[in-house]
Amino acid sequence: MFHLDTAHPEYWICLYFGAVSLLAFLWMGLDKLYAALGWRRIPERRLLFFGLIGGGAGTKLGQVFFRHKTRKEPMRSQIQRRLVWSVVLFLAFVIPQSREALIEMMTSATNGLAHLG
């Protein structure tokens, strides 16, 4: 069975990503409710912000579960990108090998850009 010890930083990282994803999911549902009631909507930038800080999974789940923002571009693509970003962030924080690979990838990309200029 999978067990997280509160003494390890991975526990707090998982808790953080879970909490941000839950908030993102709830905000997507709230915006859908506001739309149905004809009330003032939650700005898209606020909904997308959760994806940047690690809540991409909750935003995507909210999009699917509430059938919200599924046809509107570029919102649909931005939600998808933020899901990928959140997964990369999560892996970078939780798995040391992923962190090292991410740093190496970013370093080589930066070096490649330096040669262009």
N, C-alpha and C. Protein backbone atom coordinates (compact mmCIF):
# COMPACT_ATOMS: atom_id res chain seq x y z
N MET A 1 0.84 -1.18 0.00
CA MET A 1 0.00 0.00 0.00
C MET A 1 0.88 1.25 0.00
N PHE A 2 0.42 2.26 -0.69
CA PHE A 2 1.16 3.52 -0.79
C PHE A 2 0.96 4.32 0.48
N HIS A 3 2.08 4.74 1.08
CA HIS A 3 2.00 5.50 2.33
C HIS A 3 2.92 6.71 2.25
N LEU A 4 2.37 7.85 2.62
CA LEU A 4 3.17 9.07 2.67
C LEU A 4 3.39 9.46 4.12
N ASP A 5 4.62 9.67 4.47
CA ASP A 5 4.97 10.09 5.82
C ASP A 5 5.00 11.61 5.86
N THR A 6 4.34 12.20 6.84
CA THR A 6 4.26 13.67 6.93
C THR A 6 5.61 14.32 7.17
N ALA A 7 6.60 13.54 7.54
CA ALA A 7 7.94 14.09 7.76
C ALA A 7 8.66 14.32 6.43
N HIS A 8 8.17 13.72 5.36
CA HIS A 8 8.82 13.85 4.06
C HIS A 8 8.18 14.98 3.26
N PRO A 9 8.98 15.72 2.52
CA PRO A 9 8.43 16.83 1.72
C PRO A 9 7.44 16.37 0.65
N GLU A 10 7.57 15.12 0.18
CA GLU A 10 6.65 14.62 -0.83
C GLU A 10 5.21 14.63 -0.34
N TYR A 11 5.02 14.40 0.95
CA TYR A 11 3.67 14.44 1.54
C TYR A 11 3.06 15.82 1.33
N TRP A 12 3.81 16.84 1.67
CA TRP A 12 3.31 18.22 1.58
C TRP A 12 3.14 18.65 0.13
N ILE A 13 3.99 18.16 -0.74
CA ILE A 13 3.86 18.48 -2.16
C ILE A 13 2.58 17.87 -2.72
N CYS A 14 2.32 16.61 -2.38
CA CYS A 14 1.08 15.96 -2.82
C CYS A 14 -0.14 16.67 -2.25
N LEU A 15 -0.06 17.06 -1.00
CA LEU A 15 -1.16 17.79 -0.37
C LEU A 15 -1.40 19.12 -1.08
N TYR A 16 -0.34 19.83 -1.39
CA TYR A 16 -0.45 21.11 -2.10
C TYR A 16 -1.12 20.93 -3.46
N PHE A 17 -0.59 19.99 -4.27
CA PHE A 17 -1.15 19.79 -5.60
C PHE A 17 -2.61 19.32 -5.52
N GLY A 18 -2.91 18.49 -4.55
CA GLY A 18 -4.29 18.04 -4.37
C GLY A 18 -5.22 19.18 -4.00
N ALA A 19 -4.78 20.04 -3.08
CA ALA A 19 -5.60 21.17 -2.64
C ALA A 19 -5.83 22.17 -3.76
N VAL A 20 -4.78 22.48 -4.51
CA VAL A 20 -4.91 23.44 -5.62
C VAL A 20 -5.81 22.85 -6.71
N SER A 21 -5.68 21.56 -6.97
CA SER A 21 -6.53 20.92 -7.97
C SER A 21 -7.99 20.90 -7.52
N LEU A 22 -8.22 20.67 -6.24
CA LEU A 22 -9.59 20.70 -5.73
C LEU A 22 -10.19 22.09 -5.88
N LEU A 23 -9.42 23.11 -5.54
CA LEU A 23 -9.90 24.49 -5.71
C LEU A 23 -10.20 24.80 -7.17
N ALA A 24 -9.33 24.37 -8.06
CA ALA A 24 -9.53 24.61 -9.50
C ALA A 24 -10.81 23.92 -9.97
N PHE A 25 -11.02 22.69 -9.53
CA PHE A 25 -12.23 21.94 -9.88
C PHE A 25 -13.48 22.67 -9.41
N LEU A 26 -13.45 23.13 -8.16
CA LEU A 26 -14.60 23.84 -7.60
C LEU A 26 -14.87 25.16 -8.32
N TRP A 27 -13.81 25.89 -8.68
CA TRP A 27 -13.98 27.15 -9.40
C TRP A 27 -14.59 26.92 -10.78
N MET A 28 -14.20 25.84 -11.44
CA MET A 28 -14.80 25.51 -12.75
C MET A 28 -16.29 25.23 -12.58
N GLY A 29 -16.65 24.49 -11.53
CA GLY A 29 -18.06 24.21 -11.27
C GLY A 29 -18.83 25.47 -10.92
N LEU A 30 -18.23 26.33 -10.14
CA LEU A 30 -18.87 27.58 -9.75
C LEU A 30 -19.10 28.48 -10.97
N ASP A 31 -18.11 28.54 -11.86
CA ASP A 31 -18.27 29.35 -13.07
C ASP A 31 -19.38 28.78 -13.95
N LYS A 32 -19.49 27.47 -14.04
CA LYS A 32 -20.56 26.84 -14.81
C LYS A 32 -21.92 27.18 -14.21
N LEU A 33 -22.01 27.15 -12.88
CA LEU A 33 -23.25 27.52 -12.20
C LEU A 33 -23.61 28.98 -12.47
N TYR A 34 -22.62 29.85 -12.36
CA TYR A 34 -22.84 31.28 -12.63
C TYR A 34 -23.35 31.48 -14.06
N ALA A 35 -22.79 30.74 -15.00
CA ALA A 35 -23.22 30.85 -16.40
C ALA A 35 -24.68 30.42 -16.55
N ALA A 36 -25.04 29.32 -15.90
CA ALA A 36 -26.41 28.81 -15.98
C ALA A 36 -27.42 29.78 -15.36
N LEU A 37 -27.00 30.48 -14.31
CA LEU A 37 -27.89 31.41 -13.62
C LEU A 37 -27.89 32.80 -14.26
N GLY A 38 -26.98 33.02 -15.21
CA GLY A 38 -26.88 34.32 -15.85
C GLY A 38 -26.18 35.36 -14.99
N TRP A 39 -25.42 34.89 -14.02
CA TRP A 39 -24.70 35.80 -13.13
C TRP A 39 -23.36 36.18 -13.74
N ARG A 40 -22.71 37.12 -13.06
CA ARG A 40 -21.37 37.55 -13.50
C ARG A 40 -20.40 36.38 -13.38
N ARG A 41 -19.61 36.17 -14.44
CA ARG A 41 -18.74 35.01 -14.54
C ARG A 41 -17.39 35.24 -13.87
N ILE A 42 -16.70 34.15 -13.60
CA ILE A 42 -15.33 34.19 -13.09
C ILE A 42 -14.41 34.41 -14.29
N PRO A 43 -13.51 35.38 -14.23
CA PRO A 43 -12.63 35.64 -15.38
C PRO A 43 -11.80 34.39 -15.75
N GLU A 44 -11.64 34.18 -17.05
CA GLU A 44 -10.89 33.02 -17.52
C GLU A 44 -9.46 33.01 -16.99
N ARG A 45 -8.86 34.18 -16.89
CA ARG A 45 -7.47 34.23 -16.41
C ARG A 45 -7.38 33.70 -14.98
N ARG A 46 -8.43 33.88 -14.19
CA ARG A 46 -8.44 33.36 -12.83
C ARG A 46 -8.57 31.84 -12.85
N LEU A 47 -9.41 31.32 -13.74
CA LEU A 47 -9.55 29.86 -13.86
C LEU A 47 -8.24 29.23 -14.34
N LEU A 48 -7.58 29.90 -15.28
CA LEU A 48 -6.33 29.37 -15.82
C LEU A 48 -5.16 29.51 -14.85
N PHE A 49 -5.24 30.46 -13.95
CA PHE A 49 -4.17 30.68 -12.98
C PHE A 49 -3.91 29.42 -12.15
N PHE A 50 -4.97 28.70 -11.80
CA PHE A 50 -4.80 27.48 -11.01
C PHE A 50 -3.91 26.47 -11.73
N GLY A 51 -4.00 26.42 -13.05
CA GLY A 51 -3.15 25.51 -13.82
C GLY A 51 -1.69 25.87 -13.74
N LEU A 52 -1.41 27.15 -13.65
CA LEU A 52 -0.01 27.59 -13.56
C LEU A 52 0.62 27.28 -12.21
N ILE A 53 -0.20 27.23 -11.18
CA ILE A 53 0.35 26.97 -9.84
C ILE A 53 0.17 25.52 -9.41
N GLY A 54 -0.14 24.63 -10.37
CA GLY A 54 -0.18 23.21 -10.07
C GLY A 54 -1.56 22.58 -10.06
N GLY A 55 -2.60 23.33 -10.40
CA GLY A 55 -3.95 22.79 -10.37
C GLY A 55 -4.50 22.39 -11.72
N GLY A 56 -3.63 22.07 -12.65
CA GLY A 56 -4.07 21.70 -13.99
C GLY A 56 -4.99 20.50 -14.02
N ALA A 57 -4.74 19.53 -13.14
CA ALA A 57 -5.59 18.33 -13.10
C ALA A 57 -7.01 18.69 -12.69
N GLY A 58 -7.14 19.55 -11.70
CA GLY A 58 -8.47 19.96 -11.24
C GLY A 58 -9.20 20.78 -12.28
N THR A 59 -8.47 21.64 -12.99
CA THR A 59 -9.08 22.43 -14.05
C THR A 59 -9.58 21.52 -15.16
N LYS A 60 -8.76 20.56 -15.56
CA LYS A 60 -9.15 19.63 -16.62
C LYS A 60 -10.32 18.75 -16.18
N LEU A 61 -10.26 18.24 -14.95
CA LEU A 61 -11.38 17.43 -14.45
C LEU A 61 -12.66 18.25 -14.38
N GLY A 62 -12.54 19.50 -13.96
CA GLY A 62 -13.71 20.38 -13.92
C GLY A 62 -14.27 20.63 -15.31
N GLN A 63 -13.39 20.79 -16.28
CA GLN A 63 -13.83 21.00 -17.65
C GLN A 63 -14.64 19.79 -18.14
N VAL A 64 -14.14 18.60 -17.87
CA VAL A 64 -14.81 17.38 -18.33
C VAL A 64 -16.07 17.11 -17.52
N PHE A 65 -15.97 17.16 -16.21
CA PHE A 65 -17.09 16.82 -15.33
C PHE A 65 -18.27 17.77 -15.51
N PHE A 66 -17.99 19.06 -15.57
CA PHE A 66 -19.06 20.05 -15.69
C PHE A 66 -19.39 20.39 -17.14
N ARG A 67 -18.66 19.78 -18.10
CA ARG A 67 -18.81 20.09 -19.52
C ARG A 67 -18.74 21.60 -19.73
N HIS A 68 -17.66 22.16 -19.22
CA HIS A 68 -17.49 23.60 -19.20
C HIS A 68 -16.23 24.00 -19.94
N LYS A 69 -16.35 24.97 -20.82
CA LYS A 69 -15.22 25.47 -21.61
C LYS A 69 -14.64 24.37 -22.51
N THR A 70 -15.52 23.51 -23.04
CA THR A 70 -15.04 22.39 -23.86
C THR A 70 -14.92 22.75 -25.33
N ARG A 71 -15.65 23.77 -25.78
CA ARG A 71 -15.61 24.14 -27.20
C ARG A 71 -14.88 25.45 -27.46
N LYS A 72 -14.69 26.23 -26.44
CA LYS A 72 -14.13 27.56 -26.61
C LYS A 72 -12.61 27.52 -26.74
N GLU A 73 -12.14 28.00 -27.87
CA GLU A 73 -10.70 28.16 -28.07
C GLU A 73 -10.36 29.62 -27.85
N PRO A 74 -9.23 29.97 -27.30
CA PRO A 74 -8.08 29.13 -26.96
C PRO A 74 -8.16 28.52 -25.56
N MET A 75 -9.26 28.73 -24.85
CA MET A 75 -9.39 28.23 -23.48
C MET A 75 -9.14 26.73 -23.40
N ARG A 76 -9.71 25.98 -24.33
CA ARG A 76 -9.56 24.52 -24.32
C ARG A 76 -8.09 24.12 -24.42
N SER A 77 -7.36 24.74 -25.32
CA SER A 77 -5.94 24.44 -25.49
C SER A 77 -5.12 24.89 -24.28
N GLN A 78 -5.48 26.03 -23.72
CA GLN A 78 -4.75 26.53 -22.55
C GLN A 78 -4.94 25.61 -21.35
N ILE A 79 -6.14 25.07 -21.19
CA ILE A 79 -6.37 24.11 -20.09
C ILE A 79 -5.50 22.88 -20.30
N GLN A 80 -5.42 22.40 -21.53
CA GLN A 80 -4.60 21.23 -21.84
C GLN A 80 -3.12 21.49 -21.53
N ARG A 81 -2.63 22.65 -21.94
CA ARG A 81 -1.22 23.00 -21.67
C ARG A 81 -0.94 23.10 -20.18
N ARG A 82 -1.87 23.64 -19.45
CA ARG A 82 -1.68 23.78 -18.01
C ARG A 82 -1.73 22.43 -17.30
N LEU A 83 -2.49 21.49 -17.84
CA LEU A 83 -2.48 20.14 -17.30
C LEU A 83 -1.09 19.53 -17.46
N VAL A 84 -0.53 19.65 -18.64
CA VAL A 84 0.82 19.12 -18.89
C VAL A 84 1.83 19.81 -17.98
N TRP A 85 1.73 21.14 -17.86
CA TRP A 85 2.63 21.91 -16.99
C TRP A 85 2.53 21.42 -15.55
N SER A 86 1.32 21.18 -15.07
CA SER A 86 1.13 20.74 -13.69
C SER A 86 1.74 19.36 -13.46
N VAL A 87 1.60 18.48 -14.43
CA VAL A 87 2.20 17.14 -14.31
C VAL A 87 3.72 17.25 -14.28
N VAL A 88 4.28 18.08 -15.14
CA VAL A 88 5.74 18.28 -15.15
C VAL A 88 6.21 18.85 -13.81
N LEU A 89 5.50 19.85 -13.30
CA LEU A 89 5.85 20.42 -11.99
C LEU A 89 5.79 19.36 -10.89
N PHE A 90 4.72 18.59 -10.88
CA PHE A 90 4.55 17.57 -9.86
C PHE A 90 5.69 16.56 -9.90
N LEU A 91 5.99 16.06 -11.09
CA LEU A 91 7.07 15.08 -11.22
C LEU A 91 8.41 15.68 -10.84
N ALA A 92 8.62 16.93 -11.21
CA ALA A 92 9.89 17.58 -10.88
C ALA A 92 10.08 17.71 -9.38
N PHE A 93 9.00 17.93 -8.66
CA PHE A 93 9.11 18.09 -7.20
C PHE A 93 9.16 16.76 -6.46
N VAL A 94 8.45 15.76 -6.97
CA VAL A 94 8.30 14.51 -6.22
C VAL A 94 9.38 13.48 -6.55
N ILE A 95 9.78 13.40 -7.80
CA ILE A 95 10.73 12.36 -8.22
C ILE A 95 12.09 13.01 -8.51
N PRO A 96 13.10 12.69 -7.71
CA PRO A 96 14.41 13.31 -7.90
C PRO A 96 14.98 13.13 -9.30
N GLN A 97 14.80 11.94 -9.90
CA GLN A 97 15.32 11.71 -11.24
C GLN A 97 14.63 12.62 -12.25
N SER A 98 13.34 12.86 -12.07
CA SER A 98 12.62 13.78 -12.96
C SER A 98 13.15 15.19 -12.81
N ARG A 99 13.44 15.56 -11.58
CA ARG A 99 13.97 16.89 -11.31
C ARG A 99 15.29 17.08 -12.05
N GLU A 100 16.16 16.07 -11.96
CA GLU A 100 17.46 16.15 -12.64
C GLU A 100 17.30 16.20 -14.15
N ALA A 101 16.38 15.39 -14.69
CA ALA A 101 16.15 15.38 -16.14
C ALA A 101 15.58 16.71 -16.61
N LEU A 102 14.69 17.29 -15.82
CA LEU A 102 14.10 18.58 -16.17
C LEU A 102 15.16 19.68 -16.17
N ILE A 103 16.02 19.67 -15.18
CA ILE A 103 17.10 20.66 -15.11
C ILE A 103 18.03 20.52 -16.31
N GLU A 104 18.36 19.28 -16.65
CA GLU A 104 19.24 19.03 -17.80
C GLU A 104 18.58 19.50 -19.10
N MET A 105 17.28 19.21 -19.25
CA MET A 105 16.56 19.61 -20.45
C MET A 105 16.50 21.14 -20.56
N MET A 106 16.24 21.81 -19.45
CA MET A 106 16.17 23.27 -19.46
C MET A 106 17.54 23.89 -19.75
N THR A 107 18.59 23.28 -19.21
CA THR A 107 19.94 23.77 -19.44
C THR A 107 20.31 23.65 -20.91
N SER A 108 20.01 22.50 -21.51
CA SER A 108 20.35 22.32 -22.93
C SER A 108 19.51 23.23 -23.81
N ALA A 109 18.25 23.47 -23.44
CA ALA A 109 17.41 24.39 -24.22
C ALA A 109 17.94 25.81 -24.11
N THR A 110 18.38 26.19 -22.92
CA THR A 110 18.93 27.53 -22.72
C THR A 110 20.23 27.70 -23.50
N ASN A 111 21.07 26.67 -23.48
CA ASN A 111 22.32 26.74 -24.24
C ASN A 111 22.04 26.83 -25.74
N GLY A 112 21.02 26.12 -26.20
CA GLY A 112 20.64 26.18 -27.62
C GLY A 112 20.16 27.56 -28.01
N LEU A 113 19.41 28.21 -27.14
CA LEU A 113 18.94 29.56 -27.42
C LEU A 113 20.08 30.57 -27.40
N ALA A 114 21.07 30.34 -26.54
CA ALA A 114 22.22 31.24 -26.46
C ALA A 114 23.02 31.22 -27.76
N HIS A 115 23.07 30.05 -28.41
CA HIS A 115 23.82 29.94 -29.66
C HIS A 115 23.10 30.64 -30.81
N LEU A 116 21.79 30.79 -30.71
CA LEU A 116 21.03 31.46 -31.77
C LEU A 116 21.28 32.96 -31.78
N GLY A 117 21.47 33.54 -30.59
CA GLY A 117 21.62 34.99 -30.48
C GLY A 117 23.00 35.40 -30.73
